[in-house]
Amino acid sequence: MRFGLHAACALGFLLCTTVSVQAAPKLLPPAGEATVVPGGTETILATGLFASKYPEQVGDVETRLVKAIRDGDKLTVTVRFRPLARKGTSEWNDTIYDKKMSEKEWEQHFYLTSGNKKYLILKDGDGKWLAPDELILKTGAGSWSATFPAPPAGQKAVLHMRGLEALGPFTVP
């Protein structure tokens, strides 16, 4: 009898846990899920959050790694930003970085990791980073792209950006 009572309690606990997990709201889509966007669909390679400086207006901002395109020995990644729940009607800007960012800050805060290696954003022939000069989210929305040396195809990689959760791992094309 005692075993039956413990088994019934355990089964009841599991059922309650299963129901509560299934009823939890889906905030961020899982990696690999295709979502409809204006002009078509895009596959989400990784998701994360950015804590807005204006939580009373927007709360957290969802970050989505939506593209990783290999072109020979280069890998270009694209991240999209969107507010999870806009609370106010006022316009505001979140600056993740601006044109005054130093070379040291670029190297410390914007990179890919894959295996045991760190891959920094590439520079063009004039020594300019292959990324936008600034990243300012207008009312929590925006996009960003950068080009890195490509890690070996098939390896897992993680994108690191200042102020954001690491995005990944995703498979390098």
C-alpha atoms as a PDB file:
ATOM      1  CA  MET A   1       0.000   0.000   0.000  1.00  0.00           C
ATOM      2  CA  ARG A   2       2.789   2.361   0.885  1.00  0.00           C
ATOM      3  CA  PHE A   3       4.436   1.890  -2.555  1.00  0.00           C
ATOM      4  CA  GLY A   4       1.142   2.639  -4.305  1.00  0.00           C
ATOM      5  CA  LEU A   5       0.719   5.916  -2.405  1.00  0.00           C
ATOM      6  CA  HIS A   6       4.265   7.073  -3.282  1.00  0.00           C
ATOM      7  CA  ALA A   7       3.768   6.082  -6.919  1.00  0.00           C
ATOM      8  CA  ALA A   8       0.468   8.006  -7.069  1.00  0.00           C
ATOM      9  CA  CYS A   9       2.127  11.122  -5.562  1.00  0.00           C
ATOM     10  CA  ALA A  10       5.015  10.904  -8.016  1.00  0.00           C
ATOM     11  CA  LEU A  11       2.638  10.479 -10.966  1.00  0.00           C
ATOM     12  CA  GLY A  12       0.573  13.469  -9.807  1.00  0.00           C
ATOM     13  CA  PHE A  13       3.720  15.597  -9.505  1.00  0.00           C
ATOM     14  CA  LEU A  14       4.866  14.614 -13.003  1.00  0.00           C
ATOM     15  CA  LEU A  15       1.461  15.411 -14.498  1.00  0.00           C
ATOM     16  CA  CYS A  16       1.375  18.845 -12.831  1.00  0.00           C
ATOM     17  CA  THR A  17       4.931  19.594 -13.973  1.00  0.00           C
ATOM     18  CA  THR A  18       4.163  18.515 -17.541  1.00  0.00           C
ATOM     19  CA  VAL A  19       1.033  20.662 -17.679  1.00  0.00           C
ATOM     20  CA  SER A  20       2.833  23.729 -16.303  1.00  0.00           C
ATOM     21  CA  VAL A  21       5.728  23.353 -18.774  1.00  0.00           C
ATOM     22  CA  GLN A  22       3.348  22.965 -21.716  1.00  0.00           C
ATOM     23  CA  ALA A  23       1.333  25.992 -20.627  1.00  0.00           C
ATOM     24  CA  ALA A  24       4.393  28.266 -20.319  1.00  0.00           C
ATOM     25  CA  PRO A  25       4.393  31.102 -22.871  1.00  0.00           C
ATOM     26  CA  LYS A  26       6.798  30.816 -25.781  1.00  0.00           C
ATOM     27  CA  LEU A  27       8.942  33.945 -25.638  1.00  0.00           C
ATOM     28  CA  LEU A  28      11.824  33.080 -27.940  1.00  0.00           C
ATOM     29  CA  PRO A  29      11.489  30.695 -30.858  1.00  0.00           C
ATOM     30  CA  PRO A  30      13.851  27.729 -30.836  1.00  0.00           C
ATOM     31  CA  ALA A  31      16.930  27.816 -33.038  1.00  0.00           C
ATOM     32  CA  GLY A  32      16.343  26.390 -36.482  1.00  0.00           C
ATOM     33  CA  GLU A  33      12.706  27.510 -36.614  1.00  0.00           C
ATOM     34  CA  ALA A  34      11.605  29.404 -39.720  1.00  0.00           C
ATOM     35  CA  THR A  35       9.579  32.547 -39.132  1.00  0.00           C
ATOM     36  CA  VAL A  36       7.607  34.709 -41.513  1.00  0.00           C
ATOM     37  CA  VAL A  37       9.096  38.140 -42.122  1.00  0.00           C
ATOM     38  CA  PRO A  38       8.184  40.808 -44.674  1.00  0.00           C
ATOM     39  CA  GLY A  39       9.252  39.482 -48.049  1.00  0.00           C
ATOM     40  CA  GLY A  40       9.495  35.792 -47.066  1.00  0.00           C
ATOM     41  CA  THR A  41      10.812  33.614 -44.272  1.00  0.00           C
ATOM     42  CA  GLU A  42      14.091  33.403 -42.418  1.00  0.00           C
ATOM     43  CA  THR A  43      15.574  30.641 -40.342  1.00  0.00           C
ATOM     44  CA  ILE A  44      16.587  31.497 -36.810  1.00  0.00           C
ATOM     45  CA  LEU A  45      20.046  30.102 -36.104  1.00  0.00           C
ATOM     46  CA  ALA A  46      20.205  31.316 -32.482  1.00  0.00           C
ATOM     47  CA  THR A  47      18.271  33.598 -30.116  1.00  0.00           C
ATOM     48  CA  GLY A  48      19.087  35.705 -27.106  1.00  0.00           C
ATOM     49  CA  LEU A  49      18.110  38.847 -25.211  1.00  0.00           C
ATOM     50  CA  PHE A  50      19.370  42.397 -24.908  1.00  0.00           C
ATOM     51  CA  ALA A  51      18.406  44.304 -21.759  1.00  0.00           C
ATOM     52  CA  SER A  52      17.174  47.681 -22.965  1.00  0.00           C
ATOM     53  CA  LYS A  53      18.242  50.823 -21.164  1.00  0.00           C
ATOM     54  CA  TYR A  54      14.559  51.780 -21.292  1.00  0.00           C
ATOM     55  CA  PRO A  55      12.761  48.893 -19.549  1.00  0.00           C
ATOM     56  CA  GLU A  56       9.726  51.045 -18.731  1.00  0.00           C
ATOM     57  CA  GLN A  57       9.060  51.505 -22.464  1.00  0.00           C
ATOM     58  CA  VAL A  58      10.041  48.166 -23.951  1.00  0.00           C
ATOM     59  CA  GLY A  59      11.488  45.649 -21.529  1.00  0.00           C
ATOM     60  CA  ASP A  60      13.875  43.171 -23.123  1.00  0.00           C
ATOM     61  CA  VAL A  61      14.763  43.102 -26.794  1.00  0.00           C
ATOM     62  CA  GLU A  62      14.912  39.772 -28.605  1.00  0.00           C
ATOM     63  CA  THR A  63      18.050  39.121 -30.650  1.00  0.00           C
ATOM     64  CA  ARG A  64      17.991  36.629 -33.504  1.00  0.00           C
ATOM     65  CA  LEU A  65      20.944  35.347 -35.478  1.00  0.00           C
ATOM     66  CA  VAL A  66      19.192  34.938 -38.830  1.00  0.00           C
ATOM     67  CA  LYS A  67      22.000  34.513 -41.360  1.00  0.00           C
ATOM     68  CA  ALA A  68      25.436  32.950 -41.510  1.00  0.00           C
ATOM     69  CA  ILE A  69      26.699  33.036 -45.088  1.00  0.00           C
ATOM     70  CA  ARG A  70      30.078  31.645 -46.130  1.00  0.00           C
ATOM     71  CA  ASP A  71      31.885  33.235 -49.054  1.00  0.00           C
ATOM     72  CA  GLY A  72      35.148  31.362 -49.415  1.00  0.00           C
ATOM     73  CA  ASP A  73      37.184  32.048 -46.285  1.00  0.00           C
ATOM     74  CA  LYS A  74      34.753  34.700 -44.957  1.00  0.00           C
ATOM     75  CA  LEU A  75      31.588  34.314 -42.879  1.00  0.00           C
ATOM     76  CA  THR A  76      28.997  37.101 -42.774  1.00  0.00           C
ATOM     77  CA  VAL A  77      26.452  36.966 -39.958  1.00  0.00           C
ATOM     78  CA  THR A  78      23.248  38.976 -39.586  1.00  0.00           C
ATOM     79  CA  VAL A  79      21.439  39.687 -36.312  1.00  0.00           C
ATOM     80  CA  ARG A  80      17.929  41.162 -36.056  1.00  0.00           C
ATOM     81  CA  PHE A  81      16.533  42.939 -32.995  1.00  0.00           C
ATOM     82  CA  ARG A  82      12.899  43.395 -31.973  1.00  0.00           C
ATOM     83  CA  PRO A  83      11.192  44.379 -28.735  1.00  0.00           C
ATOM     84  CA  LEU A  84       9.371  41.542 -26.993  1.00  0.00           C
ATOM     85  CA  ALA A  85       6.596  43.740 -25.592  1.00  0.00           C
ATOM     86  CA  ARG A  86       6.455  47.453 -26.209  1.00  0.00           C
ATOM     87  CA  LYS A  87       4.913  49.171 -23.205  1.00  0.00           C
ATOM     88  CA  GLY A  88       4.852  52.820 -24.203  1.00  0.00           C
ATOM     89  CA  THR A  89       4.278  54.962 -27.249  1.00  0.00           C
ATOM     90  CA  SER A  90       7.341  57.209 -27.005  1.00  0.00           C
ATOM     91  CA  GLU A  91      10.273  56.850 -29.381  1.00  0.00           C
ATOM     92  CA  TRP A  92      13.691  56.029 -27.904  1.00  0.00           C
ATOM     93  CA  ASN A  93      17.087  54.733 -28.998  1.00  0.00           C
ATOM     94  CA  ASP A  94      19.362  52.129 -27.397  1.00  0.00           C
ATOM     95  CA  THR A  95      23.003  52.597 -28.417  1.00  0.00           C
ATOM     96  CA  ILE A  96      24.919  49.329 -28.331  1.00  0.00           C
ATOM     97  CA  TYR A  97      28.002  51.047 -29.767  1.00  0.00           C
ATOM     98  CA  ASP A  98      28.808  54.263 -31.607  1.00  0.00           C
ATOM     99  CA  LYS A  99      31.477  55.609 -33.956  1.00  0.00           C
ATOM    100  CA  LYS A 100      33.783  56.403 -31.016  1.00  0.00           C
ATOM    101  CA  MET A 101      34.417  52.750 -30.119  1.00  0.00           C
ATOM    102  CA  SER A 102      38.130  51.949 -29.866  1.00  0.00           C
ATOM    103  CA  GLU A 103      39.941  49.118 -31.607  1.00  0.00           C
ATOM    104  CA  LYS A 104      40.436  47.423 -28.234  1.00  0.00           C
ATOM    105  CA  GLU A 105      36.658  47.531 -27.576  1.00  0.00           C
ATOM    106  CA  TRP A 106      35.966  45.996 -31.012  1.00  0.00           C
ATOM    107  CA  GLU A 107      38.391  43.174 -30.258  1.00  0.00           C
ATOM    108  CA  GLN A 108      37.069  42.561 -26.733  1.00  0.00           C
ATOM    109  CA  HIS A 109      33.341  42.718 -27.429  1.00  0.00           C
ATOM    110  CA  PHE A 110      32.589  41.616 -31.022  1.00  0.00           C
ATOM    111  CA  TYR A 111      33.865  38.200 -32.063  1.00  0.00           C
ATOM    112  CA  LEU A 112      33.032  34.593 -32.932  1.00  0.00           C
ATOM    113  CA  THR A 113      34.319  31.578 -31.054  1.00  0.00           C
ATOM    114  CA  SER A 114      34.586  28.151 -32.621  1.00  0.00           C
ATOM    115  CA  GLY A 115      36.582  25.284 -31.249  1.00  0.00           C
ATOM    116  CA  ASN A 116      39.356  26.887 -29.215  1.00  0.00           C
ATOM    117  CA  LYS A 117      39.712  29.903 -31.515  1.00  0.00           C
ATOM    118  CA  LYS A 118      38.497  33.486 -31.369  1.00  0.00           C
ATOM    119  CA  TYR A 119      37.653  35.134 -34.703  1.00  0.00           C
ATOM    120  CA  LEU A 120      37.642  38.943 -34.854  1.00  0.00           C
ATOM    121  CA  ILE A 121      35.663  41.013 -37.340  1.00  0.00           C
ATOM    122  CA  LEU A 122      37.661  41.524 -40.536  1.00  0.00           C
ATOM    123  CA  LYS A 123      38.845  44.916 -41.789  1.00  0.00           C
ATOM    124  CA  ASP A 124      38.795  46.288 -45.322  1.00  0.00           C
ATOM    125  CA  GLY A 125      41.834  47.632 -47.198  1.00  0.00           C
ATOM    126  CA  ASP A 126      41.498  50.990 -45.403  1.00  0.00           C
ATOM    127  CA  GLY A 127      41.553  49.360 -41.950  1.00  0.00           C
ATOM    128  CA  LYS A 128      37.795  49.849 -41.384  1.00  0.00           C
ATOM    129  CA  TRP A 129      35.872  47.060 -39.612  1.00  0.00           C
ATOM    130  CA  LEU A 130      33.502  45.081 -41.879  1.00  0.00           C
ATOM    131  CA  ALA A 131      30.536  46.022 -39.679  1.00  0.00           C
ATOM    132  CA  PRO A 132      28.393  49.157 -39.314  1.00  0.00           C
ATOM    133  CA  ASP A 133      30.090  52.189 -37.709  1.00  0.00           C
ATOM    134  CA  GLU A 134      27.387  52.234 -35.042  1.00  0.00           C
ATOM    135  CA  LEU A 135      24.548  50.057 -33.769  1.00  0.00           C
ATOM    136  CA  ILE A 136      21.570  52.029 -32.502  1.00  0.00           C
ATOM    137  CA  LEU A 137      18.247  50.274 -31.925  1.00  0.00           C
ATOM    138  CA  LYS A 138      15.368  52.584 -32.730  1.00  0.00           C
ATOM    139  CA  THR A 139      12.506  51.699 -30.386  1.00  0.00           C
ATOM    140  CA  GLY A 140      14.058  48.264 -29.871  1.00  0.00           C
ATOM    141  CA  ALA A 141      14.295  47.279 -33.537  1.00  0.00           C
ATOM    142  CA  GLY A 142      17.189  47.023 -35.951  1.00  0.00           C
ATOM    143  CA  SER A 143      19.629  44.732 -37.675  1.00  0.00           C
ATOM    144  CA  TRP A 144      23.403  44.262 -37.756  1.00  0.00           C
ATOM    145  CA  SER A 145      25.812  42.376 -40.009  1.00  0.00           C
ATOM    146  CA  ALA A 146      29.538  41.745 -39.784  1.00  0.00           C
ATOM    147  CA  THR A 147      32.116  39.674 -41.655  1.00  0.00           C
ATOM    148  CA  PHE A 148      34.556  37.355 -39.884  1.00  0.00           C
ATOM    149  CA  PRO A 149      37.177  34.850 -40.992  1.00  0.00           C
ATOM    150  CA  ALA A 150      35.192  31.646 -41.555  1.00  0.00           C
ATOM    151  CA  PRO A 151      35.742  28.830 -39.058  1.00  0.00           C
ATOM    152  CA  PRO A 152      35.851  25.337 -40.587  1.00  0.00           C
ATOM    153  CA  ALA A 153      32.542  24.272 -42.150  1.00  0.00           C
ATOM    154  CA  GLY A 154      30.401  22.076 -39.922  1.00  0.00           C
ATOM    155  CA  GLN A 155      31.912  23.328 -36.656  1.00  0.00           C
ATOM    156  CA  LYS A 156      29.771  24.941 -33.993  1.00  0.00           C
ATOM    157  CA  ALA A 157      30.303  28.673 -33.433  1.00  0.00           C
ATOM    158  CA  VAL A 158      29.022  31.307 -30.999  1.00  0.00           C
ATOM    159  CA  LEU A 159      28.638  35.038 -31.738  1.00  0.00           C
ATOM    160  CA  HIS A 160      29.590  37.439 -28.930  1.00  0.00           C
ATOM    161  CA  MET A 161      28.439  41.080 -28.924  1.00  0.00           C
ATOM    162  CA  ARG A 162      28.721  43.665 -26.153  1.00  0.00           C
ATOM    163  CA  GLY A 163      25.587  43.864 -24.017  1.00  0.00           C
ATOM    164  CA  LEU A 164      23.912  40.816 -25.594  1.00  0.00           C
ATOM    165  CA  GLU A 165      23.611  37.194 -24.606  1.00  0.00           C
ATOM    166  CA  ALA A 166      25.979  35.058 -26.664  1.00  0.00           C
ATOM    167  CA  LEU A 167      24.182  33.785 -29.773  1.00  0.00           C
ATOM    168  CA  GLY A 168      24.704  30.123 -30.480  1.00  0.00           C
ATOM    169  CA  PRO A 169      25.972  27.625 -30.885  1.00  0.00           C
ATOM    170  CA  PHE A 170      25.115  27.478 -34.581  1.00  0.00           C
ATOM    171  CA  THR A 171      26.635  25.332 -37.306  1.00  0.00           C
ATOM    172  CA  VAL A 172      29.109  27.094 -39.590  1.00  0.00           C
ATOM    173  CA  PRO A 173      28.070  26.639 -43.235  1.00  0.00           C
END
